[in-house]
Amino acid sequence: MSYRNSNKQKGLVTLFALMSLILISYLSKGIQTSYAQNVNTLNKTLTLDVKTVLDKVAVVRGDRQTLWIKAFDANTGAPIGGAIARATVTYADGVTVRQFAVATDASGVAVISWTIESDTVPGTFSVTYGVSAAAYVTEQFDKSFMVVPQSLNGHNNNDNHHDHGHHH
C-alpha cells in the first residue's frame, strides 16, 4: 500500500510542476501577444484582397462558366494559399442555386467552373462570392453575368434550329 501512495504523491508533484510550467509559459506568451497586437495595429488589421475574373460576360446555355478567384494579403501582396473561396450562384429563374467551396492553391488561386444547363431560363445570373482565411477578415462581393439561349452571332452547334416556324 505504501508503494501506491508514494506513486500518487509523485504524480501530484509532477502535476504541480507541469501546471506551474504551463502558467509561466502562458504568462510570457501573454506578454508577447500584447506586443504583437500593438505592432499589428500599426500595420492595420489583416485584410485580404480578392481579384476575380469571370470567363464570360454572356454564357450560352449548355456552355461552361468559370470564375477565377485570387486571394492575396492586402498589405504585403503575398498570395494566400489554403483560403476557402466560396461562391453562390443564383440563376435567373430565382429558384436554382449552385454553391461552391474551393481552396486556393499556393499561388492564392481558386477556380470554380460549372456547366450552365441547356434548359436553364436565360437572363441575369448573380454570383455572391467570398474568401475566408485564418486571421483574415472575410471579404464578400457580388458579380453578375448573362445567360443567353444561343450565341450572339447566331452560330450555335448545340441548337439544331428546332424553333423555326413555330409562331405562337
Protein backbone atom coordinates (compact mmCIF):
# COMPACT_ATOMS: atom_id res chain seq x y z
CA MET A 1 0.00 0.00 0.00
CA SER A 2 2.75 2.46 0.88
CA TYR A 3 4.20 1.94 -2.61
CA ARG A 4 0.92 3.07 -4.20
CA ASN A 5 0.72 6.17 -2.02
CA SER A 6 4.23 7.31 -2.84
CA ASN A 7 3.34 6.84 -6.50
CA LYS A 8 0.28 9.05 -6.11
CA GLN A 9 2.39 11.74 -4.45
CA LYS A 10 4.93 11.61 -7.26
CA GLY A 11 2.07 12.05 -9.70
CA LEU A 12 0.78 15.07 -7.81
CA VAL A 13 4.22 16.66 -7.64
CA THR A 14 4.63 16.13 -11.39
CA LEU A 15 1.19 17.63 -11.98
CA PHE A 16 2.03 20.72 -9.95
CA ALA A 17 5.34 21.11 -11.71
CA LEU A 18 3.58 20.85 -15.09
CA MET A 19 0.91 23.34 -14.10
CA SER A 20 3.42 25.93 -12.96
CA LEU A 21 5.35 25.45 -16.20
CA ILE A 22 2.16 25.95 -18.21
CA LEU A 23 1.32 29.03 -16.14
CA ILE A 24 4.77 30.55 -16.69
CA SER A 25 4.70 29.91 -20.45
CA TYR A 26 1.13 31.26 -20.60
CA LEU A 27 2.17 34.47 -18.84
CA SER A 28 5.20 35.01 -21.07
CA LYS A 29 3.06 34.24 -24.13
CA GLY A 30 0.53 36.83 -22.94
CA ILE A 31 3.24 39.47 -22.88
CA GLN A 32 4.40 38.55 -26.41
CA THR A 33 0.84 38.57 -27.74
CA SER A 34 0.03 42.04 -26.48
CA TYR A 35 3.24 43.27 -28.08
CA ALA A 36 2.36 41.59 -31.38
CA GLN A 37 -1.08 43.18 -31.31
CA ASN A 38 0.40 46.64 -30.88
CA VAL A 39 2.61 46.07 -33.90
CA ASN A 40 -0.42 44.86 -35.81
CA THR A 41 -2.48 47.98 -35.17
CA LEU A 42 0.29 49.98 -36.79
CA ASN A 43 0.09 47.81 -39.92
CA LYS A 44 -3.72 47.82 -39.96
CA THR A 45 -5.63 44.59 -39.49
CA LEU A 46 -5.02 41.63 -41.76
CA THR A 47 -7.15 42.13 -44.82
CA LEU A 48 -7.43 40.07 -47.93
CA ASP A 49 -7.57 41.50 -51.38
CA VAL A 50 -9.52 39.49 -53.87
CA LYS A 51 -9.31 39.68 -57.64
CA THR A 52 -11.89 37.84 -59.70
CA VAL A 53 -12.31 37.14 -63.35
CA LEU A 54 -15.47 35.75 -64.89
CA ASP A 55 -14.63 33.78 -68.01
CA LYS A 56 -17.67 35.01 -69.95
CA VAL A 57 -19.92 38.04 -69.59
CA ALA A 58 -22.59 36.17 -71.57
CA VAL A 59 -22.79 32.40 -71.48
CA VAL A 60 -24.70 30.30 -73.98
CA ARG A 61 -26.85 27.64 -72.31
CA GLY A 62 -25.01 24.32 -72.23
CA ASP A 63 -21.61 26.07 -72.03
CA ARG A 64 -19.29 26.32 -69.06
CA GLN A 65 -18.85 29.38 -66.90
CA THR A 66 -15.62 29.76 -64.94
CA LEU A 67 -14.84 32.09 -62.06
CA TRP A 68 -11.22 32.64 -61.08
CA ILE A 69 -10.66 33.99 -57.58
CA LYS A 70 -7.25 35.11 -56.39
CA ALA A 71 -6.66 35.88 -52.72
CA PHE A 72 -3.69 37.87 -51.50
CA ASP A 73 -2.61 39.86 -48.46
CA ALA A 74 -3.69 43.49 -48.79
CA ASN A 75 -0.56 44.73 -47.01
CA THR A 76 2.18 42.54 -48.46
CA GLY A 77 0.62 41.42 -51.74
CA ALA A 78 1.62 37.83 -50.91
CA PRO A 79 -0.76 35.17 -52.25
CA ILE A 80 -2.83 33.36 -49.62
CA GLY A 81 -2.90 29.61 -50.16
CA GLY A 82 -5.34 27.37 -48.33
CA ALA A 83 -8.02 30.05 -48.10
CA ILE A 84 -11.58 28.96 -48.83
CA ALA A 85 -13.23 30.62 -51.81
CA ARG A 86 -17.00 30.25 -51.72
CA ALA A 87 -19.45 31.19 -54.43
CA THR A 88 -23.22 31.12 -54.55
CA VAL A 89 -24.74 31.42 -57.99
CA THR A 90 -28.42 32.34 -58.21
CA TYR A 91 -29.93 31.52 -61.58
CA ALA A 92 -32.21 33.89 -63.49
CA ASP A 93 -35.25 31.80 -62.50
CA GLY A 94 -34.61 32.87 -58.89
CA VAL A 95 -35.02 29.28 -57.73
CA THR A 96 -31.92 27.41 -58.87
CA VAL A 97 -28.87 27.96 -56.70
CA ARG A 98 -25.42 26.45 -57.10
CA GLN A 99 -22.93 26.59 -54.23
CA PHE A 100 -19.20 26.02 -54.45
CA ALA A 101 -16.34 25.96 -51.97
CA VAL A 102 -12.81 25.60 -53.29
CA ALA A 103 -9.49 26.02 -51.50
CA THR A 104 -6.94 28.40 -53.01
CA ASP A 105 -3.68 26.84 -54.18
CA ALA A 106 -0.17 28.00 -53.25
CA SER A 107 -0.48 30.90 -55.70
CA GLY A 108 -3.70 32.02 -53.98
CA VAL A 109 -5.94 30.97 -56.87
CA ALA A 110 -9.22 29.05 -56.73
CA VAL A 111 -11.07 28.04 -59.89
CA ILE A 112 -14.82 27.45 -59.82
CA SER A 113 -16.24 26.07 -63.04
CA TRP A 114 -19.58 24.55 -63.93
CA THR A 115 -21.85 23.91 -66.89
CA ILE A 116 -24.95 26.04 -67.32
CA GLU A 117 -27.74 23.54 -68.00
CA SER A 118 -29.10 23.70 -71.55
CA ASP A 119 -32.71 24.03 -70.37
CA THR A 120 -31.96 26.92 -68.00
CA VAL A 121 -34.13 30.07 -68.06
CA PRO A 122 -31.94 32.71 -69.73
CA GLY A 123 -31.35 36.07 -68.07
CA THR A 124 -29.14 37.63 -65.41
CA PHE A 125 -27.38 35.26 -63.03
CA SER A 126 -25.95 36.71 -59.84
CA VAL A 127 -22.82 35.46 -58.12
CA THR A 128 -22.05 36.19 -54.49
CA TYR A 129 -18.52 35.12 -53.65
CA GLY A 130 -16.21 35.48 -50.73
CA VAL A 131 -12.87 34.34 -49.45
CA SER A 132 -12.09 33.37 -45.88
CA ALA A 133 -8.70 32.56 -44.41
CA ALA A 134 -7.46 32.19 -40.85
CA ALA A 135 -6.76 35.55 -39.14
CA TYR A 136 -8.15 37.46 -42.10
CA VAL A 137 -11.38 39.38 -42.26
CA THR A 138 -13.75 37.55 -44.63
CA GLU A 139 -14.49 39.57 -47.73
CA GLN A 140 -17.67 39.19 -49.76
CA PHE A 141 -18.54 40.54 -53.20
CA ASP A 142 -21.19 40.35 -55.89
CA LYS A 143 -20.97 39.91 -59.64
CA SER A 144 -23.46 39.02 -62.33
CA PHE A 145 -23.43 37.61 -65.84
CA MET A 146 -25.95 36.94 -68.59
CA VAL A 147 -27.08 33.59 -69.85
CA VAL A 148 -28.41 33.65 -73.40
CA PRO A 149 -30.40 30.99 -75.27
CA GLN A 150 -27.87 30.93 -78.13
CA SER A 151 -24.64 32.61 -79.15
CA LEU A 152 -24.86 36.24 -80.17
CA ASN A 153 -23.57 35.63 -83.70
CA GLY A 154 -26.32 33.06 -84.29
CA HIS A 155 -23.98 30.08 -84.65
CA ASN A 156 -24.68 27.50 -82.03
CA ASN A 157 -23.83 23.90 -82.66
CA ASN A 158 -25.96 22.63 -79.78
CA ASP A 159 -29.09 24.12 -81.26
CA ASN A 160 -30.42 22.47 -84.40
CA HIS A 161 -32.90 25.28 -85.01
CA HIS A 162 -35.85 23.41 -83.57
CA ASP A 163 -37.70 26.66 -83.02
CA HIS A 164 -38.06 27.53 -86.72
CA GLY A 165 -41.58 28.04 -87.98
CA HIS A 166 -43.24 27.80 -84.58
CA HIS A 167 -45.06 31.11 -84.46
CA HIS A 168 -47.11 31.30 -81.29
